[in-house]
Amino acid sequence: MKHRAFYGDGEYTFALTDDMIAELERVSGLGIGALYLRTAKAQFPLTDLVEIIRLGLIGGGTSPEAAMRLVNAYGRNRPIGELFPLAMDILDARWSGTANPEPQA
């Protein structure tokens, strides 16, 4: 249930763990199902995309401080078309399973 992608300055792992989903629900004011549907229907506020990415970074192992630095540098004042696919991939990884499985050794 992880997604790995290039974001800003390198490759990062994103994961919406249960704790990160709880925080996402708190900051968005929606349950995960409603948030997923709102995002998939492109009826989201911009802050949802940034929070999905930030919390996905934290759930994937990035420190909260580094995650905030990354979204401040690469998630604000950027084209929505750059943020939306990544946010959906992060949500899809948790919703349906691993979006892009890591290669087996």
PDB file of N, CA and C in Angstrom:
ATOM      1  N   MET A   1       0.816  -1.185   0.000  1.00  0.00           N
ATOM      2  CA  MET A   1       0.000   0.000   0.000  1.00  0.00           C
ATOM      3  C   MET A   1       0.864   1.255   0.000  1.00  0.00           C
ATOM      4  N   LYS A   2       1.969   1.145  -0.682  1.00  0.00           N
ATOM      5  CA  LYS A   2       2.891   2.268  -0.800  1.00  0.00           C
ATOM      6  C   LYS A   2       2.982   2.687  -2.255  1.00  0.00           C
ATOM      7  N   HIS A   3       3.390   3.926  -2.436  1.00  0.00           N
ATOM      8  CA  HIS A   3       3.612   4.452  -3.777  1.00  0.00           C
ATOM      9  C   HIS A   3       4.983   5.111  -3.766  1.00  0.00           C
ATOM     10  N   ARG A   4       5.780   4.825  -4.770  1.00  0.00           N
ATOM     11  CA  ARG A   4       7.107   5.431  -4.878  1.00  0.00           C
ATOM     12  C   ARG A   4       7.120   6.283  -6.129  1.00  0.00           C
ATOM     13  N   ALA A   5       7.582   7.527  -5.977  1.00  0.00           N
ATOM     14  CA  ALA A   5       7.578   8.445  -7.113  1.00  0.00           C
ATOM     15  C   ALA A   5       8.614   9.540  -6.899  1.00  0.00           C
ATOM     16  N   PHE A   6       8.998  10.162  -8.007  1.00  0.00           N
ATOM     17  CA  PHE A   6       9.853  11.341  -7.939  1.00  0.00           C
ATOM     18  C   PHE A   6       8.990  12.506  -7.474  1.00  0.00           C
ATOM     19  N   TYR A   7       9.490  13.252  -6.516  1.00  0.00           N
ATOM     20  CA  TYR A   7       8.790  14.444  -6.044  1.00  0.00           C
ATOM     21  C   TYR A   7       9.815  15.502  -5.686  1.00  0.00           C
ATOM     22  N   GLY A   8       9.811  16.593  -6.406  1.00  0.00           N
ATOM     23  CA  GLY A   8      10.674  17.726  -6.106  1.00  0.00           C
ATOM     24  C   GLY A   8      12.129  17.502  -6.395  1.00  0.00           C
ATOM     25  N   ASP A   9      12.826  16.845  -5.471  1.00  0.00           N
ATOM     26  CA  ASP A   9      14.273  16.701  -5.609  1.00  0.00           C
ATOM     27  C   ASP A   9      14.757  15.260  -5.578  1.00  0.00           C
ATOM     28  N   GLY A  10      13.832  14.299  -5.591  1.00  0.00           N
ATOM     29  CA  GLY A  10      14.263  12.904  -5.561  1.00  0.00           C
ATOM     30  C   GLY A  10      13.102  11.939  -5.482  1.00  0.00           C
ATOM     31  N   GLU A  11      13.446  10.662  -5.371  1.00  0.00           N
ATOM     32  CA  GLU A  11      12.451   9.591  -5.246  1.00  0.00           C
ATOM     33  C   GLU A  11      12.049   9.457  -3.782  1.00  0.00           C
ATOM     34  N   TYR A  12      10.754   9.372  -3.559  1.00  0.00           N
ATOM     35  CA  TYR A  12      10.229   9.227  -2.200  1.00  0.00           C
ATOM     36  C   TYR A  12       9.176   8.131  -2.163  1.00  0.00           C
ATOM     37  N   THR A  13       9.020   7.547  -0.981  1.00  0.00           N
ATOM     38  CA  THR A  13       7.950   6.592  -0.735  1.00  0.00           C
ATOM     39  C   THR A  13       6.819   7.325  -0.032  1.00  0.00           C
ATOM     40  N   PHE A  14       5.607   7.083  -0.498  1.00  0.00           N
ATOM     41  CA  PHE A  14       4.401   7.690   0.052  1.00  0.00           C
ATOM     42  C   PHE A  14       3.504   6.572   0.560  1.00  0.00           C
ATOM     43  N   ALA A  15       2.926   6.752   1.739  1.00  0.00           N
ATOM     44  CA  ALA A  15       2.001   5.758   2.285  1.00  0.00           C
ATOM     45  C   ALA A  15       1.020   6.450   3.221  1.00  0.00           C
ATOM     46  N   LEU A  16      -0.242   6.179   3.026  1.00  0.00           N
ATOM     47  CA  LEU A  16      -1.260   6.687   3.941  1.00  0.00           C
ATOM     48  C   LEU A  16      -1.549   5.606   4.978  1.00  0.00           C
ATOM     49  N   THR A  17      -0.796   5.654   6.056  1.00  0.00           N
ATOM     50  CA  THR A  17      -1.011   4.719   7.160  1.00  0.00           C
ATOM     51  C   THR A  17      -2.303   5.102   7.882  1.00  0.00           C
ATOM     52  N   ASP A  18      -2.751   4.244   8.782  1.00  0.00           N
ATOM     53  CA  ASP A  18      -3.968   4.558   9.539  1.00  0.00           C
ATOM     54  C   ASP A  18      -3.844   5.891  10.278  1.00  0.00           C
ATOM     55  N   ASP A  19      -2.694   6.138  10.885  1.00  0.00           N
ATOM     56  CA  ASP A  19      -2.497   7.404  11.602  1.00  0.00           C
ATOM     57  C   ASP A  19      -2.534   8.599  10.654  1.00  0.00           C
ATOM     58  N   MET A  20      -1.954   8.441   9.467  1.00  0.00           N
ATOM     59  CA  MET A  20      -1.957   9.535   8.501  1.00  0.00           C
ATOM     60  C   MET A  20      -3.361   9.756   7.937  1.00  0.00           C
ATOM     61  N   ILE A  21      -4.123   8.684   7.764  1.00  0.00           N
ATOM     62  CA  ILE A  21      -5.517   8.838   7.323  1.00  0.00           C
ATOM     63  C   ILE A  21      -6.319   9.585   8.385  1.00  0.00           C
ATOM     64  N   ALA A  22      -6.111   9.252   9.650  1.00  0.00           N
ATOM     65  CA  ALA A  22      -6.823   9.955  10.727  1.00  0.00           C
ATOM     66  C   ALA A  22      -6.510  11.447  10.692  1.00  0.00           C
ATOM     67  N   GLU A  23      -5.257  11.799  10.472  1.00  0.00           N
ATOM     68  CA  GLU A  23      -4.876  13.212  10.388  1.00  0.00           C
ATOM     69  C   GLU A  23      -5.464  13.850   9.132  1.00  0.00           C
ATOM     70  N   LEU A  24      -5.456  13.143   8.027  1.00  0.00           N
ATOM     71  CA  LEU A  24      -6.038  13.655   6.786  1.00  0.00           C
ATOM     72  C   LEU A  24      -7.536  13.906   6.956  1.00  0.00           C
ATOM     73  N   GLU A  25      -8.212  12.994   7.626  1.00  0.00           N
ATOM     74  CA  GLU A  25      -9.639  13.181   7.903  1.00  0.00           C
ATOM     75  C   GLU A  25      -9.857  14.403   8.792  1.00  0.00           C
ATOM     76  N   ARG A  26      -8.978  14.599   9.752  1.00  0.00           N
ATOM     77  CA  ARG A  26      -9.103  15.748  10.656  1.00  0.00           C
ATOM     78  C   ARG A  26      -8.920  17.062   9.910  1.00  0.00           C
ATOM     79  N   VAL A  27      -7.854  17.158   9.103  1.00  0.00           N
ATOM     80  CA  VAL A  27      -7.577  18.434   8.431  1.00  0.00           C
ATOM     81  C   VAL A  27      -8.541  18.710   7.281  1.00  0.00           C
ATOM     82  N   SER A  28      -9.076  17.664   6.661  1.00  0.00           N
ATOM     83  CA  SER A  28     -10.005  17.873   5.540  1.00  0.00           C
ATOM     84  C   SER A  28     -11.455  17.971   5.994  1.00  0.00           C
ATOM     85  N   GLY A  29     -11.742  17.463   7.195  1.00  0.00           N
ATOM     86  CA  GLY A  29     -13.112  17.460   7.675  1.00  0.00           C
ATOM     87  C   GLY A  29     -13.988  16.408   7.018  1.00  0.00           C
ATOM     88  N   LEU A  30     -13.363  15.441   6.346  1.00  0.00           N
ATOM     89  CA  LEU A  30     -14.092  14.377   5.646  1.00  0.00           C
ATOM     90  C   LEU A  30     -13.534  13.018   6.017  1.00  0.00           C
ATOM     91  N   GLY A  31     -14.379  11.999   5.940  1.00  0.00           N
ATOM     92  CA  GLY A  31     -13.897  10.634   6.047  1.00  0.00           C
ATOM     93  C   GLY A  31     -13.104  10.276   4.801  1.00  0.00           C
ATOM     94  N   ILE A  32     -12.294   9.238   4.893  1.00  0.00           N
ATOM     95  CA  ILE A  32     -11.417   8.869   3.777  1.00  0.00           C
ATOM     96  C   ILE A  32     -12.209   8.544   2.513  1.00  0.00           C
ATOM     97  N   GLY A  33     -13.359   7.895   2.643  1.00  0.00           N
ATOM     98  CA  GLY A  33     -14.164   7.571   1.467  1.00  0.00           C
ATOM     99  C   GLY A  33     -14.666   8.815   0.758  1.00  0.00           C
ATOM    100  N   ALA A  34     -15.191   9.757   1.519  1.00  0.00           N
ATOM    101  CA  ALA A  34     -15.679  11.007   0.934  1.00  0.00           C
ATOM    102  C   ALA A  34     -14.527  11.806   0.327  1.00  0.00           C
ATOM    103  N   LEU A  35     -13.384  11.811   0.993  1.00  0.00           N
ATOM    104  CA  LEU A  35     -12.217  12.522   0.467  1.00  0.00           C
ATOM    105  C   LEU A  35     -11.751  11.896  -0.842  1.00  0.00           C
ATOM    106  N   TYR A  36     -11.706  10.566  -0.878  1.00  0.00           N
ATOM    107  CA  TYR A  36     -11.300   9.871  -2.101  1.00  0.00           C
ATOM    108  C   TYR A  36     -12.243  10.226  -3.248  1.00  0.00           C
ATOM    109  N   LEU A  37     -13.543  10.139  -3.004  1.00  0.00           N
ATOM    110  CA  LEU A  37     -14.514  10.440  -4.062  1.00  0.00           C
ATOM    111  C   LEU A  37     -14.433  11.895  -4.500  1.00  0.00           C
ATOM    112  N   ARG A  38     -14.299  12.809  -3.550  1.00  0.00           N
ATOM    113  CA  ARG A  38     -14.198  14.228  -3.898  1.00  0.00           C
ATOM    114  C   ARG A  38     -12.954  14.483  -4.748  1.00  0.00           C
ATOM    115  N   THR A  39     -11.861  13.837  -4.393  1.00  0.00           N
ATOM    116  CA  THR A  39     -10.622  14.022  -5.153  1.00  0.00           C
ATOM    117  C   THR A  39     -10.748  13.402  -6.539  1.00  0.00           C
ATOM    118  N   ALA A  40     -11.270  12.184  -6.622  1.00  0.00           N
ATOM    119  CA  ALA A  40     -11.417  11.504  -7.912  1.00  0.00           C
ATOM    120  C   ALA A  40     -12.335  12.275  -8.856  1.00  0.00           C
ATOM    121  N   LYS A  41     -13.316  12.980  -8.309  1.00  0.00           N
ATOM    122  CA  LYS A  41     -14.253  13.767  -9.123  1.00  0.00           C
ATOM    123  C   LYS A  41     -13.731  15.178  -9.389  1.00  0.00           C
ATOM    124  N   ALA A  42     -12.497  15.465  -8.973  1.00  0.00           N
ATOM    125  CA  ALA A  42     -11.861  16.775  -9.156  1.00  0.00           C
ATOM    126  C   ALA A  42     -12.685  17.891  -8.516  1.00  0.00           C
ATOM    127  N   GLN A  43     -13.235  17.620  -7.336  1.00  0.00           N
ATOM    128  CA  GLN A  43     -14.009  18.617  -6.598  1.00  0.00           C
ATOM    129  C   GLN A  43     -13.310  18.972  -5.289  1.00  0.00           C
ATOM    130  N   PHE A  44     -12.004  18.950  -5.307  1.00  0.00           N
ATOM    131  CA  PHE A  44     -11.184  19.131  -4.109  1.00  0.00           C
ATOM    132  C   PHE A  44     -10.729  20.578  -3.963  1.00  0.00           C
ATOM    133  N   PRO A  45     -10.514  21.019  -2.721  1.00  0.00           N
ATOM    134  CA  PRO A  45      -9.753  22.250  -2.535  1.00  0.00           C
ATOM    135  C   PRO A  45      -8.264  21.921  -2.700  1.00  0.00           C
ATOM    136  N   LEU A  46      -7.506  22.867  -3.126  1.00  0.00           N
ATOM    137  CA  LEU A  46      -6.077  22.657  -3.365  1.00  0.00           C
ATOM    138  C   LEU A  46      -5.361  22.137  -2.120  1.00  0.00           C
ATOM    139  N   THR A  47      -5.777  22.591  -0.961  1.00  0.00           N
ATOM    140  CA  THR A  47      -5.112  22.148   0.268  1.00  0.00           C
ATOM    141  C   THR A  47      -5.206  20.636   0.455  1.00  0.00           C
ATOM    142  N   ASP A  48      -6.268  20.006  -0.051  1.00  0.00           N
ATOM    143  CA  ASP A  48      -6.367  18.545   0.057  1.00  0.00           C
ATOM    144  C   ASP A  48      -5.196  17.867  -0.639  1.00  0.00           C
ATOM    145  N   LEU A  49      -4.863  18.327  -1.838  1.00  0.00           N
ATOM    146  CA  LEU A  49      -3.770  17.697  -2.588  1.00  0.00           C
ATOM    147  C   LEU A  49      -2.460  17.822  -1.827  1.00  0.00           C
ATOM    148  N   VAL A  50      -2.198  19.010  -1.315  1.00  0.00           N
ATOM    149  CA  VAL A  50      -0.954  19.250  -0.579  1.00  0.00           C
ATOM    150  C   VAL A  50      -0.902  18.381   0.676  1.00  0.00           C
ATOM    151  N   GLU A  51      -2.018  18.267   1.388  1.00  0.00           N
ATOM    152  CA  GLU A  51      -2.048  17.456   2.610  1.00  0.00           C
ATOM    153  C   GLU A  51      -1.914  15.966   2.309  1.00  0.00           C
ATOM    154  N   ILE A  52      -2.519  15.497   1.235  1.00  0.00           N
ATOM    155  CA  ILE A  52      -2.362  14.091   0.846  1.00  0.00           C
ATOM    156  C   ILE A  52      -0.886  13.794   0.595  1.00  0.00           C
ATOM    157  N   ILE A  53      -0.217  14.682  -0.116  1.00  0.00           N
ATOM    158  CA  ILE A  53       1.201  14.489  -0.420  1.00  0.00           C
ATOM    159  C   ILE A  53       2.041  14.566   0.856  1.00  0.00           C
ATOM    160  N   ARG A  54       1.804  15.584   1.679  1.00  0.00           N
ATOM    161  CA  ARG A  54       2.586  15.754   2.917  1.00  0.00           C
ATOM    162  C   ARG A  54       2.420  14.553   3.842  1.00  0.00           C
ATOM    163  N   LEU A  55       1.185  14.159   4.074  1.00  0.00           N
ATOM    164  CA  LEU A  55       0.946  13.036   4.982  1.00  0.00           C
ATOM    165  C   LEU A  55       1.397  11.717   4.367  1.00  0.00           C
ATOM    166  N   GLY A  56       1.318  11.600   3.041  1.00  0.00           N
ATOM    167  CA  GLY A  56       1.852  10.417   2.372  1.00  0.00           C
ATOM    168  C   GLY A  56       3.357  10.303   2.544  1.00  0.00           C
ATOM    169  N   LEU A  57       4.044  11.438   2.470  1.00  0.00           N
ATOM    170  CA  LEU A  57       5.495  11.437   2.709  1.00  0.00           C
ATOM    171  C   LEU A  57       5.812  10.973   4.128  1.00  0.00           C
ATOM    172  N   ILE A  58       5.095  11.521   5.102  1.00  0.00           N
ATOM    173  CA  ILE A  58       5.337  11.147   6.498  1.00  0.00           C
ATOM    174  C   ILE A  58       5.058   9.664   6.699  1.00  0.00           C
ATOM    175  N   GLY A  59       3.944   9.180   6.177  1.00  0.00           N
ATOM    176  CA  GLY A  59       3.611   7.761   6.291  1.00  0.00           C
ATOM    177  C   GLY A  59       4.614   6.865   5.600  1.00  0.00           C
ATOM    178  N   GLY A  60       5.277   7.406   4.576  1.00  0.00           N
ATOM    179  CA  GLY A  60       6.288   6.650   3.848  1.00  0.00           C
ATOM    180  C   GLY A  60       7.663   6.691   4.479  1.00  0.00           C
ATOM    181  N   GLY A  61       7.805   7.429   5.592  1.00  0.00           N
ATOM    182  CA  GLY A  61       9.073   7.428   6.305  1.00  0.00           C
ATOM    183  C   GLY A  61       9.830   8.741   6.315  1.00  0.00           C
ATOM    184  N   THR A  62       9.340   9.754   5.635  1.00  0.00           N
ATOM    185  CA  THR A  62       9.980  11.066   5.658  1.00  0.00           C
ATOM    186  C   THR A  62       9.624  11.750   6.974  1.00  0.00           C
ATOM    187  N   SER A  63      10.572  12.452   7.559  1.00  0.00           N
ATOM    188  CA  SER A  63      10.276  13.143   8.817  1.00  0.00           C
ATOM    189  C   SER A  63       9.225  14.227   8.566  1.00  0.00           C
ATOM    190  N   PRO A  64       8.433  14.561   9.585  1.00  0.00           N
ATOM    191  CA  PRO A  64       7.441  15.623   9.405  1.00  0.00           C
ATOM    192  C   PRO A  64       8.055  16.949   8.963  1.00  0.00           C
ATOM    193  N   GLU A  65       9.220  17.261   9.482  1.00  0.00           N
ATOM    194  CA  GLU A  65       9.884  18.510   9.115  1.00  0.00           C
ATOM    195  C   GLU A  65      10.293  18.499   7.645  1.00  0.00           C
ATOM    196  N   ALA A  66      10.877  17.392   7.198  1.00  0.00           N
ATOM    197  CA  ALA A  66      11.294  17.284   5.798  1.00  0.00           C
ATOM    198  C   ALA A  66      10.079  17.273   4.877  1.00  0.00           C
ATOM    199  N   ALA A  67       9.000  16.611   5.291  1.00  0.00           N
ATOM    200  CA  ALA A  67       7.782  16.578   4.477  1.00  0.00           C
ATOM    201  C   ALA A  67       7.219  17.986   4.306  1.00  0.00           C
ATOM    202  N   MET A  68       7.200  18.769   5.372  1.00  0.00           N
ATOM    203  CA  MET A  68       6.710  20.149   5.281  1.00  0.00           C
ATOM    204  C   MET A  68       7.611  20.976   4.373  1.00  0.00           C
ATOM    205  N   ARG A  69       8.918  20.787   4.500  1.00  0.00           N
ATOM    206  CA  ARG A  69       9.855  21.511   3.630  1.00  0.00           C
ATOM    207  C   ARG A  69       9.599  21.161   2.173  1.00  0.00           C
ATOM    208  N   LEU A  70       9.402  19.876   1.889  1.00  0.00           N
ATOM    209  CA  LEU A  70       9.166  19.438   0.513  1.00  0.00           C
ATOM    210  C   LEU A  70       7.879  20.020  -0.061  1.00  0.00           C
ATOM    211  N   VAL A  71       6.784  19.962   0.688  1.00  0.00           N
ATOM    212  CA  VAL A  71       5.536  20.502   0.134  1.00  0.00           C
ATOM    213  C   VAL A  71       5.578  22.022   0.043  1.00  0.00           C
ATOM    214  N   ASN A  72       6.298  22.679   0.945  1.00  0.00           N
ATOM    215  CA  ASN A  72       6.437  24.131   0.820  1.00  0.00           C
ATOM    216  C   ASN A  72       7.233  24.501  -0.425  1.00  0.00           C
ATOM    217  N   ALA A  73       8.241  23.700  -0.747  1.00  0.00           N
ATOM    218  CA  ALA A  73       9.081  23.980  -1.912  1.00  0.00           C
ATOM    219  C   ALA A  73       8.452  23.519  -3.219  1.00  0.00           C
ATOM    220  N   TYR A  74       7.790  22.361  -3.212  1.00  0.00           N
ATOM    221  CA  TYR A  74       7.349  21.744  -4.464  1.00  0.00           C
ATOM    222  C   TYR A  74       5.844  21.517  -4.567  1.00  0.00           C
ATOM    223  N   GLY A  75       5.089  21.881  -3.542  1.00  0.00           N
ATOM    224  CA  GLY A  75       3.652  21.645  -3.577  1.00  0.00           C
ATOM    225  C   GLY A  75       2.818  22.906  -3.548  1.00  0.00           C
ATOM    226  N   ARG A  76       3.445  24.023  -3.362  1.00  0.00           N
ATOM    227  CA  ARG A  76       2.708  25.286  -3.317  1.00  0.00           C
ATOM    228  C   ARG A  76       3.110  26.125  -4.528  1.00  0.00           C
ATOM    229  N   ASN A  77       2.132  26.820  -5.074  1.00  0.00           N
ATOM    230  CA  ASN A  77       2.358  27.670  -6.249  1.00  0.00           C
ATOM    231  C   ASN A  77       2.919  26.882  -7.426  1.00  0.00           C
ATOM    232  N   ARG A  78       2.441  25.647  -7.560  1.00  0.00           N
ATOM    233  CA  ARG A  78       2.814  24.776  -8.674  1.00  0.00           C
ATOM    234  C   ARG A  78       1.549  24.474  -9.468  1.00  0.00           C
ATOM    235  N   PRO A  79       1.698  24.064 -10.721  1.00  0.00           N
ATOM    236  CA  PRO A  79       0.509  23.690 -11.489  1.00  0.00           C
ATOM    237  C   PRO A  79      -0.241  22.539 -10.811  1.00  0.00           C
ATOM    238  N   ILE A  80      -1.543  22.672 -10.743  1.00  0.00           N
ATOM    239  CA  ILE A  80      -2.370  21.627 -10.134  1.00  0.00           C
ATOM    240  C   ILE A  80      -2.184  20.317 -10.878  1.00  0.00           C
ATOM    241  N   GLY A  81      -1.935  20.394 -12.175  1.00  0.00           N
ATOM    242  CA  GLY A  81      -1.699  19.199 -12.981  1.00  0.00           C
ATOM    243  C   GLY A  81      -0.481  18.401 -12.553  1.00  0.00           C
ATOM    244  N   GLU A  82       0.431  19.007 -11.810  1.00  0.00           N
ATOM    245  CA  GLU A  82       1.574  18.273 -11.251  1.00  0.00           C
ATOM    246  C   GLU A  82       1.195  17.582  -9.944  1.00  0.00           C
ATOM    247  N   LEU A  83       0.339  18.198  -9.173  1.00  0.00           N
ATOM    248  CA  LEU A  83      -0.017  17.686  -7.848  1.00  0.00           C
ATOM    249  C   LEU A  83      -1.098  16.615  -7.898  1.00  0.00           C
ATOM    250  N   PHE A  84      -2.100  16.817  -8.746  1.00  0.00           N
ATOM    251  CA  PHE A  84      -3.258  15.928  -8.776  1.00  0.00           C
ATOM    252  C   PHE A  84      -2.897  14.473  -9.064  1.00  0.00           C
ATOM    253  N   PRO A  85      -2.090  14.169 -10.104  1.00  0.00           N
ATOM    254  CA  PRO A  85      -1.783  12.755 -10.362  1.00  0.00           C
ATOM    255  C   PRO A  85      -1.061  12.083  -9.193  1.00  0.00           C
ATOM    256  N   LEU A  86      -0.149  12.799  -8.564  1.00  0.00           N
ATOM    257  CA  LEU A  86       0.572  12.221  -7.428  1.00  0.00           C
ATOM    258  C   LEU A  86      -0.379  11.974  -6.261  1.00  0.00           C
ATOM    259  N   ALA A  87      -1.211  12.947  -5.950  1.00  0.00           N
ATOM    260  CA  ALA A  87      -2.166  12.772  -4.849  1.00  0.00           C
ATOM    261  C   ALA A  87      -3.092  11.589  -5.116  1.00  0.00           C
ATOM    262  N   MET A  88      -3.566  11.443  -6.348  1.00  0.00           N
ATOM    263  CA  MET A  88      -4.440  10.313  -6.680  1.00  0.00           C
ATOM    264  C   MET A  88      -3.690   8.991  -6.586  1.00  0.00           C
ATOM    265  N   ASP A  89      -2.440   8.961  -7.020  1.00  0.00           N
ATOM    266  CA  ASP A  89      -1.647   7.730  -6.907  1.00  0.00           C
ATOM    267  C   ASP A  89      -1.467   7.327  -5.441  1.00  0.00           C
ATOM    268  N   ILE A  90      -1.258   8.309  -4.571  1.00  0.00           N
ATOM    269  CA  ILE A  90      -1.097   8.032  -3.142  1.00  0.00           C
ATOM    270  C   ILE A  90      -2.398   7.478  -2.571  1.00  0.00           C
ATOM    271  N   LEU A  91      -3.513   8.113  -2.909  1.00  0.00           N
ATOM    272  CA  LEU A  91      -4.812   7.618  -2.445  1.00  0.00           C
ATOM    273  C   LEU A  91      -5.110   6.234  -3.009  1.00  0.00           C
ATOM    274  N   ASP A  92      -4.854   6.049  -4.307  1.00  0.00           N
ATOM    275  CA  ASP A  92      -5.130   4.754  -4.947  1.00  0.00           C
ATOM    276  C   ASP A  92      -4.310   3.627  -4.338  1.00  0.00           C
ATOM    277  N   ALA A  93      -3.071   3.926  -3.954  1.00  0.00           N
ATOM    278  CA  ALA A  93      -2.226   2.894  -3.351  1.00  0.00           C
ATOM    279  C   ALA A  93      -2.876   2.357  -2.084  1.00  0.00           C
ATOM    280  N   ARG A  94      -3.473   3.228  -1.297  1.00  0.00           N
ATOM    281  CA  ARG A  94      -4.130   2.787  -0.067  1.00  0.00           C
ATOM    282  C   ARG A  94      -5.510   2.197  -0.363  1.00  0.00           C
ATOM    283  N   TRP A  95      -6.207   2.766  -1.326  1.00  0.00           N
ATOM    284  CA  TRP A  95      -7.573   2.331  -1.634  1.00  0.00           C
ATOM    285  C   TRP A  95      -7.593   0.941  -2.256  1.00  0.00           C
ATOM    286  N   SER A  96      -6.715   0.710  -3.227  1.00  0.00           N
ATOM    287  CA  SER A  96      -6.765  -0.520  -4.026  1.00  0.00           C
ATOM    288  C   SER A  96      -5.589  -1.457  -3.803  1.00  0.00           C
ATOM    289  N   GLY A  97      -4.598  -1.019  -3.077  1.00  0.00           N
ATOM    290  CA  GLY A  97      -3.378  -1.801  -2.915  1.00  0.00           C
ATOM    291  C   GLY A  97      -2.221  -1.035  -3.528  1.00  0.00           C
ATOM    292  N   THR A  98      -1.081  -1.645  -3.588  1.00  0.00           N
ATOM    293  CA  THR A  98       0.115  -0.966  -4.076  1.00  0.00           C
ATOM    294  C   THR A  98      -0.066  -0.514  -5.511  1.00  0.00           C
ATOM    295  N   ALA A  99       0.109   0.781  -5.734  1.00  0.00           N
ATOM    296  CA  ALA A  99      -0.045   1.357  -7.069  1.00  0.00           C
ATOM    297  C   ALA A  99       1.115   0.959  -7.974  1.00  0.00           C
ATOM    298  N   ASN A 100       2.314   0.980  -7.454  1.00  0.00           N
ATOM    299  CA  ASN A 100       3.487   0.568  -8.225  1.00  0.00           C
ATOM    300  C   ASN A 100       4.382  -0.268  -7.321  1.00  0.00           C
ATOM    301  N   PRO A 101       4.186  -1.584  -7.316  1.00  0.00           N
ATOM    302  CA  PRO A 101       4.945  -2.437  -6.405  1.00  0.00           C
ATOM    303  C   PRO A 101       6.444  -2.285  -6.608  1.00  0.00           C
ATOM    304  N   GLU A 102       7.164  -2.340  -5.501  1.00  0.00           N
ATOM    305  CA  GLU A 102       8.619  -2.274  -5.586  1.00  0.00           C
ATOM    306  C   GLU A 102       9.130  -3.601  -6.116  1.00  0.00           C
ATOM    307  N   PRO A 103      10.182  -3.574  -6.949  1.00  0.00           N
ATOM    308  CA  PRO A 103      10.694  -4.818  -7.531  1.00  0.00           C
ATOM    309  C   PRO A 103      11.148  -5.796  -6.454  1.00  0.00           C
ATOM    310  N   GLN A 104      10.908  -7.061  -6.703  1.00  0.00           N
ATOM    311  CA  GLN A 104      11.349  -8.113  -5.789  1.00  0.00           C
ATOM    312  C   GLN A 104      12.838  -8.370  -5.998  1.00  0.00           C
ATOM    313  N   ALA A 105      13.549  -8.609  -4.914  1.00  0.00           N
ATOM    314  CA  ALA A 105      14.998  -8.857  -5.007  1.00  0.00           C
ATOM    315  C   ALA A 105      15.267 -10.285  -5.417  1.00  0.00           C
TER     316      ALA A 105
END
